[in-house]
Amino acid sequence: MSITALRARALDVPMKKAFGIAGGAQEIARNVLVEIELASGERGWGEAAPLPAFNGETQAGALATALALVEEMVGRDAGHWRDLAARAFSAGSACGACAVETAIVDAFARSRGTSLRALFGGAETELVTDITITTGSVDDASREARAFAAFDTLKIKVGGAADHDVDLDVQRVLAVSEARPDARLLLDANGGLSIHAALHLTSALRARGVPLALFEQPVAPGSWDALAEIRAKCGIPVAIDESVTHPDDIHAAHAARAADAANIKIMKSGVARALEIAAAARACGMLPMIGGMVETRLAMGTSASIAAGLGGFAFIDLDTPLFLAEDPFDGGYVQRDARLDLRPITLGHGCVPHARHR
């Protein structure tokens, strides 16, 4: 299963609307497509989805990392994909390394005649995702909550710059709750709040009787004590996202009593390490969550394969392909409203680029 070629190119996908989080908004998914070819002729594909507003990564950086790994990967055995992943992540961009790793494990699974879901354990065949209400106005939040009637779980983006109006977030969440009193509500600040602002937000919503199932990354990574204080005082389960890129982060959060759940994203950690983070979270009694950046069905399907393969994920946040104006791939999972069906996938993550993207 020797790797004979590694190719990488920019993959720009227009969006239906800007995807806004605390750090900014993205109007075009400026991603990277990686292709691996084996001596057998089998091919695999991976995707880098840099999100500058999340962690500063860029398409240029991801592409440079992928191309820099050509010499390192060609001639290696794809069957040793975990070892190759460790080599890839010694390079620059995490999401660029993830794209290379994904392409390798995809090619490996295809050469073995199996799906990633089966390779990772095959525990489940379907997942039910939430959908995101991005940053914006109160009217935007209310309108989107009604438009997403087919989704039982709504994740609301909150937070922003230092001068962000937290009371606007209170009103936005109230509007969502009023529009969809039946929905399970999650908050996601992407590290865009202070301790004071996070506690003000949750206190104001609690006083108005708004039930919340999760508060994701209320403050910026770097202080477990800050997260622990919010967790102790807000009365809502707290999830870490930006704060976790390695299994060691799970153990640190557990020791600090800073989190109840961990959002696992391959763009931060890659595939092999995502599996390790999930195992660490379970060992520490944290609820596993699966999420992503602004990704197509290729990367999102890889994450879905992890969650379905391992099974038992408490939160599924795999919705960004729904925000894209086009789908560059054939195959992969089939989505009907909130439900992702992985049964049609028989090889790898199942996605194959349309001819114009190869």
Protein backbone atom coordinates (compact mmCIF):
# COMPACT_ATOMS: atom_id res chain seq x y z
CA MET A 1 0.00 0.00 0.00
CA SER A 2 2.81 2.36 -0.91
CA ILE A 3 1.89 6.00 -1.47
CA THR A 4 2.95 7.02 -4.97
CA ALA A 5 1.53 10.55 -5.19
CA LEU A 6 0.21 13.39 -3.05
CA ARG A 7 -1.58 16.27 -4.74
CA ALA A 8 -3.15 19.36 -3.18
CA ARG A 9 -5.12 22.29 -4.53
CA ALA A 10 -7.37 25.09 -3.34
CA LEU A 11 -11.06 24.26 -2.99
CA ASP A 12 -13.29 27.34 -2.88
CA VAL A 13 -16.96 26.71 -2.15
CA PRO A 14 -19.49 29.58 -2.08
CA MET A 15 -21.85 29.83 0.87
CA LYS A 16 -25.57 30.53 0.97
CA LYS A 17 -24.94 33.13 3.68
CA ALA A 18 -22.05 34.23 5.83
CA PHE A 19 -21.24 31.87 8.70
CA GLY A 20 -20.64 34.15 11.68
CA ILE A 21 -18.99 33.24 14.97
CA ALA A 22 -17.56 35.38 17.79
CA GLY A 23 -14.27 35.97 15.94
CA GLY A 24 -15.79 36.99 12.59
CA ALA A 25 -17.71 35.70 9.59
CA GLN A 26 -16.83 33.59 6.57
CA GLU A 27 -18.59 34.16 3.23
CA ILE A 28 -16.68 31.61 1.12
CA ALA A 29 -15.28 28.30 2.34
CA ARG A 30 -11.66 28.65 1.23
CA ASN A 31 -10.55 25.08 1.80
CA VAL A 32 -7.94 22.69 0.42
CA LEU A 33 -8.45 19.34 -1.32
CA VAL A 34 -5.74 16.68 -0.98
CA GLU A 35 -5.52 13.52 -3.08
CA ILE A 36 -3.41 10.48 -2.23
CA GLU A 37 -2.68 7.73 -4.77
CA LEU A 38 -1.44 4.26 -3.86
CA ALA A 39 0.66 1.89 -5.95
CA SER A 40 -2.47 -0.24 -6.37
CA GLY A 41 -4.17 2.69 -8.10
CA GLU A 42 -6.49 3.29 -5.16
CA ARG A 43 -7.11 6.94 -4.34
CA GLY A 44 -8.16 8.75 -1.21
CA TRP A 45 -9.17 12.34 -0.53
CA GLY A 46 -8.86 14.70 2.38
CA GLU A 47 -9.98 18.25 3.12
CA ALA A 48 -8.50 21.14 5.05
CA ALA A 49 -11.04 23.67 6.28
CA PRO A 50 -9.18 26.63 7.79
CA LEU A 51 -11.38 29.08 9.67
CA PRO A 52 -9.41 32.27 10.38
CA ALA A 53 -12.07 33.52 12.81
CA PHE A 54 -11.63 30.35 14.87
CA ASN A 55 -7.86 29.96 15.17
CA GLY A 56 -6.19 32.10 12.52
CA GLU A 57 -5.45 29.30 10.07
CA THR A 58 -5.63 30.17 6.36
CA GLN A 59 -6.03 28.43 3.03
CA ALA A 60 -2.52 29.47 2.00
CA GLY A 61 -1.03 27.99 5.15
CA ALA A 62 -2.98 24.75 4.83
CA LEU A 63 -2.01 24.34 1.18
CA ALA A 64 1.65 25.05 1.93
CA THR A 65 1.66 22.42 4.68
CA ALA A 66 0.04 19.80 2.45
CA LEU A 67 2.49 20.42 -0.39
CA ALA A 68 5.45 20.41 2.01
CA LEU A 69 4.48 16.87 3.05
CA VAL A 70 4.80 15.39 -0.46
CA GLU A 71 8.40 14.28 -0.01
CA GLU A 72 7.68 13.01 3.52
CA MET A 73 4.70 10.87 2.49
CA VAL A 74 5.49 9.50 -0.98
CA GLY A 75 6.95 6.01 -0.67
CA ARG A 76 5.44 5.41 2.77
CA ASP A 77 2.97 2.63 3.58
CA ALA A 78 -0.59 3.94 3.95
CA GLY A 79 -1.28 1.06 6.33
CA HIS A 80 0.84 2.94 8.87
CA TRP A 81 -1.52 5.92 8.68
CA ARG A 82 -1.39 6.64 12.41
CA ASP A 83 2.40 6.98 12.32
CA LEU A 84 2.14 9.10 9.18
CA ALA A 85 -0.40 11.32 10.94
CA ALA A 86 2.12 12.02 13.69
CA ARG A 87 4.68 12.98 11.04
CA ALA A 88 2.16 15.23 9.29
CA PHE A 89 1.30 17.08 12.49
CA SER A 90 4.93 17.99 13.02
CA ALA A 91 4.47 20.37 10.07
CA GLY A 92 2.79 23.79 10.16
CA SER A 93 -0.98 24.00 9.65
CA ALA A 94 -3.08 21.56 11.70
CA CYS A 95 -5.90 21.49 9.17
CA GLY A 96 -3.41 21.03 6.31
CA ALA A 97 -1.93 18.04 8.13
CA CYS A 98 -5.45 16.75 8.77
CA ALA A 99 -6.23 16.85 5.04
CA VAL A 100 -3.17 14.72 4.28
CA GLU A 101 -3.96 12.28 7.10
CA THR A 102 -7.59 11.99 6.01
CA ALA A 103 -6.60 11.27 2.41
CA ILE A 104 -4.21 8.55 3.57
CA VAL A 105 -6.67 6.79 5.87
CA ASP A 106 -9.38 7.12 3.21
CA ALA A 107 -7.12 5.46 0.61
CA PHE A 108 -6.17 2.79 3.15
CA ALA A 109 -9.80 1.98 3.98
CA ARG A 110 -10.74 1.86 0.29
CA SER A 111 -7.83 -0.48 -0.41
CA ARG A 112 -9.12 -2.74 2.37
CA GLY A 113 -12.65 -2.65 0.94
CA THR A 114 -14.15 -1.06 4.04
CA SER A 115 -15.64 2.21 5.24
CA LEU A 116 -14.11 4.54 7.80
CA ARG A 117 -17.17 4.00 9.98
CA ALA A 118 -16.46 0.26 10.05
CA LEU A 119 -12.73 0.84 10.50
CA PHE A 120 -13.43 2.93 13.60
CA GLY A 121 -15.76 0.38 15.17
CA GLY A 122 -19.05 0.43 13.25
CA ALA A 123 -21.17 1.08 16.35
CA GLU A 124 -23.91 3.15 14.68
CA THR A 125 -25.25 3.81 11.19
CA GLU A 126 -27.08 7.12 11.67
CA LEU A 127 -26.51 10.40 13.48
CA VAL A 128 -28.81 13.32 14.28
CA THR A 129 -27.15 16.73 14.03
CA ASP A 130 -27.98 20.10 15.47
CA ILE A 131 -27.96 23.22 13.29
CA THR A 132 -26.28 26.55 13.98
CA ILE A 133 -27.89 29.95 14.37
CA THR A 134 -24.95 32.18 13.53
CA THR A 135 -24.21 35.66 14.87
CA GLY A 136 -26.58 38.41 13.78
CA SER A 137 -29.67 40.33 14.84
CA VAL A 138 -32.58 39.31 17.04
CA ASP A 139 -34.80 39.10 13.96
CA ASP A 140 -32.23 36.91 12.20
CA ALA A 141 -32.16 34.53 15.15
CA SER A 142 -35.94 34.28 15.35
CA ARG A 143 -36.31 33.77 11.61
CA GLU A 144 -33.64 31.08 11.46
CA ALA A 145 -35.09 29.26 14.47
CA ARG A 146 -38.41 28.96 12.66
CA ALA A 147 -36.75 27.99 9.38
CA PHE A 148 -34.92 25.15 11.13
CA ALA A 149 -38.13 23.46 12.26
CA ALA A 150 -36.83 20.04 11.19
CA PHE A 151 -33.98 20.24 13.73
CA ASP A 152 -34.61 19.40 17.38
CA THR A 153 -31.33 20.93 18.60
CA LEU A 154 -30.29 24.50 17.84
CA LYS A 155 -26.80 25.83 18.56
CA ILE A 156 -26.70 29.59 19.01
CA LYS A 157 -23.48 31.52 18.43
CA VAL A 158 -22.87 34.17 21.08
CA GLY A 159 -19.99 36.42 22.09
CA GLY A 160 -17.70 38.67 20.11
CA ALA A 161 -15.07 41.36 20.55
CA ALA A 162 -14.30 43.00 23.90
CA ASP A 163 -17.06 45.59 23.39
CA HIS A 164 -19.66 42.97 22.42
CA ASP A 165 -23.19 43.65 23.70
CA VAL A 166 -24.06 40.61 25.81
CA ASP A 167 -27.60 41.85 26.25
CA LEU A 168 -28.03 41.46 22.49
CA ASP A 169 -27.14 37.80 22.94
CA VAL A 170 -29.71 37.54 25.73
CA GLN A 171 -32.38 38.90 23.39
CA ARG A 172 -31.28 36.64 20.53
CA VAL A 173 -31.46 33.52 22.68
CA LEU A 174 -34.84 34.59 24.05
CA ALA A 175 -36.10 35.04 20.50
CA VAL A 176 -34.94 31.54 19.57
CA SER A 177 -36.54 30.08 22.68
CA GLU A 178 -39.83 31.82 21.95
CA ALA A 179 -39.79 30.74 18.31
CA ARG A 180 -38.84 27.15 19.16
CA PRO A 181 -39.90 26.29 22.73
CA ASP A 182 -39.64 22.61 21.76
CA ALA A 183 -35.95 22.75 20.82
CA ARG A 184 -32.90 21.78 22.84
CA LEU A 185 -30.68 24.89 22.97
CA LEU A 186 -26.89 25.02 23.05
CA LEU A 187 -24.78 28.17 23.38
CA ASP A 188 -21.38 28.53 21.70
CA ALA A 189 -19.20 31.55 22.46
CA ASN A 190 -16.05 30.34 20.65
CA GLY A 191 -14.08 31.89 23.49
CA GLY A 192 -15.64 35.30 22.84
CA LEU A 193 -16.81 36.20 26.36
CA SER A 194 -15.24 37.22 29.66
CA ILE A 195 -16.06 35.38 32.88
CA HIS A 196 -18.35 38.25 33.89
CA ALA A 197 -20.12 38.36 30.53
CA ALA A 198 -20.59 34.58 30.42
CA LEU A 199 -22.15 34.54 33.89
CA HIS A 200 -24.31 37.58 33.09
CA LEU A 201 -25.61 35.83 29.97
CA THR A 202 -26.48 32.58 31.72
CA SER A 203 -27.95 34.34 34.76
CA ALA A 204 -30.20 36.52 32.59
CA LEU A 205 -31.44 33.53 30.62
CA ARG A 206 -31.99 31.46 33.75
CA ALA A 207 -34.04 34.31 35.26
CA ARG A 208 -36.25 34.23 32.17
CA GLY A 209 -36.72 30.48 32.37
CA VAL A 210 -34.75 29.55 29.25
CA PRO A 211 -33.46 25.96 29.54
CA LEU A 212 -29.97 25.43 28.14
CA ALA A 213 -28.37 22.05 27.51
CA LEU A 214 -24.75 23.17 26.99
CA PHE A 215 -22.45 26.20 27.09
CA GLU A 216 -19.55 25.67 24.71
CA GLN A 217 -16.18 27.41 25.16
CA PRO A 218 -17.46 30.50 27.01
CA VAL A 219 -13.99 32.03 27.42
CA ALA A 220 -10.80 31.92 25.41
CA PRO A 221 -8.47 28.95 25.86
CA GLY A 222 -5.57 29.39 28.22
CA SER A 223 -7.19 29.39 31.66
CA TRP A 224 -8.69 26.24 33.10
CA ASP A 225 -9.50 28.20 36.25
CA ALA A 226 -11.73 30.59 34.30
CA LEU A 227 -13.65 27.72 32.74
CA ALA A 228 -13.91 26.00 36.12
CA GLU A 229 -15.35 29.15 37.69
CA ILE A 230 -17.98 29.49 34.99
CA ARG A 231 -18.84 25.80 35.23
CA ALA A 232 -19.26 26.06 39.01
CA LYS A 233 -21.49 29.13 38.84
CA CYS A 234 -23.53 28.99 35.62
CA GLY A 235 -25.59 25.88 36.33
CA ILE A 236 -25.17 24.60 32.76
CA PRO A 237 -22.87 21.84 31.47
CA VAL A 238 -19.75 23.41 29.95
CA ALA A 239 -17.99 22.07 26.86
CA ILE A 240 -14.46 22.79 25.71
CA ASP A 241 -13.64 23.30 22.03
CA GLU A 242 -10.77 25.67 21.29
CA SER A 243 -9.18 24.47 24.55
CA VAL A 244 -8.78 20.86 23.40
CA THR A 245 -6.47 19.71 20.63
CA HIS A 246 -4.75 16.79 22.39
CA PRO A 247 -5.72 14.08 24.92
CA ASP A 248 -3.55 15.86 27.50
CA ASP A 249 -6.00 18.77 27.36
CA ILE A 250 -8.81 16.46 28.42
CA HIS A 251 -6.86 15.32 31.45
CA ALA A 252 -5.99 18.92 32.35
CA ALA A 253 -9.62 20.01 32.07
CA HIS A 254 -10.72 17.06 34.17
CA ALA A 255 -8.15 17.83 36.87
CA ALA A 256 -9.33 21.45 36.98
CA ARG A 257 -13.01 20.44 36.97
CA ALA A 258 -13.38 22.78 34.00
CA ALA A 259 -15.62 20.87 31.58
CA ASP A 260 -18.46 18.39 31.25
CA ALA A 261 -18.05 17.76 27.51
CA ALA A 262 -15.42 18.02 24.79
CA ASN A 263 -16.01 19.07 21.18
CA ILE A 264 -13.75 16.93 19.00
CA LYS A 265 -12.81 18.40 15.61
CA ILE A 266 -10.43 16.76 13.19
CA MET A 267 -9.30 20.17 11.87
CA LYS A 268 -7.71 20.79 15.27
CA SER A 269 -6.31 17.36 15.98
CA GLY A 270 -6.55 15.09 12.95
CA VAL A 271 -8.24 11.70 12.79
CA ALA A 272 -5.96 9.50 14.91
CA ARG A 273 -5.72 12.04 17.68
CA ALA A 274 -9.48 12.64 17.56
CA LEU A 275 -9.95 8.96 18.36
CA GLU A 276 -7.54 9.34 21.28
CA ILE A 277 -9.32 12.46 22.55
CA ALA A 278 -12.65 10.65 22.46
CA ALA A 279 -11.18 7.79 24.49
CA ALA A 280 -9.69 10.21 27.01
CA ALA A 281 -12.99 12.06 27.35
CA ARG A 282 -14.86 8.86 28.10
CA ALA A 283 -12.21 7.79 30.60
CA CYS A 284 -12.59 11.12 32.41
CA GLY A 285 -16.37 10.98 32.39
CA MET A 286 -16.79 13.79 29.86
CA LEU A 287 -19.49 13.70 27.22
CA PRO A 288 -18.04 13.38 23.71
CA MET A 289 -19.20 15.89 21.10
CA ILE A 290 -18.27 15.91 17.41
CA GLY A 291 -18.05 19.13 15.41
CA GLY A 292 -16.23 20.84 12.58
CA MET A 293 -15.25 24.07 10.89
CA VAL A 294 -16.88 25.28 7.66
CA GLU A 295 -16.49 21.96 5.88
CA THR A 296 -17.91 20.09 2.92
CA ARG A 297 -19.37 16.60 3.23
CA LEU A 298 -15.89 15.12 2.80
CA ALA A 299 -14.42 16.33 6.09
CA MET A 300 -17.81 16.30 7.80
CA GLY A 301 -18.34 12.72 6.64
CA THR A 302 -14.97 11.76 8.11
CA SER A 303 -16.05 13.21 11.45
CA ALA A 304 -19.43 11.50 11.13
CA SER A 305 -17.56 8.24 10.56
CA ILE A 306 -15.68 8.77 13.82
CA ALA A 307 -18.85 9.49 15.80
CA ALA A 308 -20.84 6.64 14.24
CA GLY A 309 -17.88 4.28 14.37
CA LEU A 310 -17.27 4.84 18.08
CA GLY A 311 -20.92 5.45 18.98
CA GLY A 312 -22.41 7.16 22.01
CA PHE A 313 -21.68 10.81 21.17
CA ALA A 314 -23.89 13.09 23.26
CA PHE A 315 -23.80 16.05 20.87
CA ILE A 316 -23.56 15.99 17.07
CA ASP A 317 -22.68 19.30 15.40
CA LEU A 318 -22.14 18.40 11.74
CA ASP A 319 -24.19 20.97 9.89
CA THR A 320 -21.93 23.24 7.84
CA PRO A 321 -22.49 21.51 4.46
CA LEU A 322 -26.05 22.82 4.74
CA PHE A 323 -24.67 26.37 4.61
CA LEU A 324 -22.77 25.78 1.35
CA ALA A 325 -24.25 26.84 -1.98
CA GLU A 326 -22.87 23.79 -3.79
CA ASP A 327 -21.63 20.28 -3.06
CA PRO A 328 -18.30 19.46 -4.77
CA PHE A 329 -18.63 15.71 -4.14
CA ASP A 330 -20.52 12.61 -5.14
CA GLY A 331 -21.14 9.79 -2.68
CA GLY A 332 -20.75 10.02 1.07
CA TYR A 333 -23.48 10.12 3.67
CA VAL A 334 -27.07 10.98 2.80
CA GLN A 335 -28.74 13.74 4.78
CA ARG A 336 -32.46 14.15 5.33
CA ASP A 337 -33.13 17.17 7.53
CA ALA A 338 -31.25 16.52 10.79
CA ARG A 339 -30.52 12.86 10.10
CA LEU A 340 -27.21 11.69 8.59
CA ASP A 341 -27.37 8.18 7.13
CA LEU A 342 -23.95 6.55 6.75
CA ARG A 343 -25.23 3.21 5.46
CA PRO A 344 -24.66 4.12 1.78
CA ILE A 345 -20.92 4.47 2.46
CA THR A 346 -19.05 1.28 1.64
CA LEU A 347 -15.52 2.59 1.02
CA GLY A 348 -13.61 5.18 3.07
CA HIS A 349 -15.62 8.32 3.78
CA GLY A 350 -17.47 7.68 0.53
CA CYS A 351 -16.88 11.05 -1.13
CA VAL A 352 -15.36 11.41 -4.59
CA PRO A 353 -14.73 14.87 -6.09
CA HIS A 354 -16.76 15.97 -9.09
CA ALA A 355 -14.69 15.85 -12.27
CA ARG A 356 -13.92 19.58 -12.26
CA HIS A 357 -12.41 19.35 -8.77
CA ARG A 358 -10.05 16.46 -9.52
